[in-house]
Protein backbone atom coordinates (compact mmCIF):
# COMPACT_ATOMS: atom_id res chain seq x y z
CA UNK A 1 0.84 -2.04 -23.67
CA UNK A 2 0.76 1.33 -21.74
CA UNK A 3 4.01 3.19 -20.57
CA UNK A 4 4.94 2.80 -16.97
CA UNK A 5 4.59 6.59 -15.81
CA UNK A 6 8.56 8.14 -14.85
CA UNK A 7 8.75 7.71 -10.76
CA UNK A 8 8.50 11.60 -9.43
CA UNK A 9 11.70 13.30 -9.15
CA UNK A 10 12.57 14.82 -5.56
CA UNK A 11 14.39 17.77 -4.93
CA UNK A 12 16.96 17.55 -1.55
CA UNK A 13 15.78 18.93 1.88
CA UNK A 14 12.12 19.40 1.03
CA UNK A 15 8.65 18.27 2.32
CA UNK A 16 6.23 16.49 -0.17
CA UNK A 17 2.79 14.56 -0.14
CA UNK A 18 3.59 11.26 -1.93
CA UNK A 19 1.22 8.34 -2.69
CA UNK A 20 2.84 5.03 -2.85
CA UNK A 21 1.57 1.74 -4.11
CA UNK A 22 2.61 -2.13 -2.59
CA UNK A 23 3.47 -4.08 -5.77
CA UNK A 24 4.41 -7.12 -4.00
CA UNK A 25 1.91 -9.91 -5.14
CA UNK A 26 2.67 -11.93 -1.85
CA UNK A 27 1.73 -8.99 0.60
CA UNK A 28 -1.87 -8.54 1.96
CA UNK A 29 -1.87 -4.75 0.78
CA UNK A 30 -1.08 -5.71 -2.69
CA UNK A 31 -2.33 -2.95 -5.32
CA UNK A 32 -3.50 -0.66 -2.31
CA UNK A 33 -2.30 2.80 -2.63
CA UNK A 34 -1.14 4.97 0.50
CA UNK A 35 -0.54 8.73 1.07
CA UNK A 36 2.24 9.85 3.18
CA UNK A 37 1.87 13.37 3.94
CA UNK A 38 4.18 14.93 4.89
CA UNK A 39 7.16 12.69 3.56
CA UNK A 40 10.99 14.62 3.73
CA UNK A 41 13.60 14.21 0.62
CA UNK A 42 16.60 13.81 2.61
CA UNK A 43 18.92 14.11 -0.41
CA UNK A 44 16.86 14.23 -2.91
CA UNK A 45 15.82 10.17 -2.13
CA UNK A 46 12.23 8.92 -1.04
CA UNK A 47 12.11 5.14 0.00
CA UNK A 48 8.58 4.16 1.35
CA UNK A 49 8.48 0.82 2.74
CA UNK A 50 5.19 -1.42 3.34
CA UNK A 51 4.42 -1.94 7.00
CA UNK A 52 3.52 -5.46 6.64
CA UNK A 53 5.91 -7.02 4.17
CA UNK A 54 8.65 -4.33 4.39
CA UNK A 55 9.44 -4.44 0.66
CA UNK A 56 10.03 -0.85 -1.09
CA UNK A 57 6.64 0.43 -2.77
CA UNK A 58 6.20 1.99 -5.90
CA UNK A 59 6.00 5.64 -5.94
CA UNK A 60 3.22 6.80 -7.82
CA UNK A 61 3.17 10.63 -7.73
CA UNK A 62 4.35 13.39 -5.37
CA UNK A 63 3.60 16.89 -4.85
CA UNK A 64 5.58 19.59 -3.16
CA UNK A 65 3.93 21.05 0.14
CA UNK A 66 3.59 24.98 -0.52
CA UNK A 67 4.18 26.20 1.93
CA UNK A 68 6.82 23.77 3.24
CA UNK A 69 5.89 22.82 7.05
CA UNK A 70 8.07 24.26 9.81
CA UNK A 71 9.56 21.92 12.69
CA UNK A 72 11.24 23.12 15.60
């Protein structure tokens, strides 16, 4: 049995490209992975919910965006 990969660690107030997976067996999106780019790490915490079932998704990976987006 393989050990699950550790959840990504986020620094506060930065932008990332995040891959999230829906693991809710009752949802039509079960097993599908979605890329959220850009994704803001508010306070170092990132939560992504499925648009169909509203459950929190598993964060598979994250990459810090470089350069960071600029918004005005």
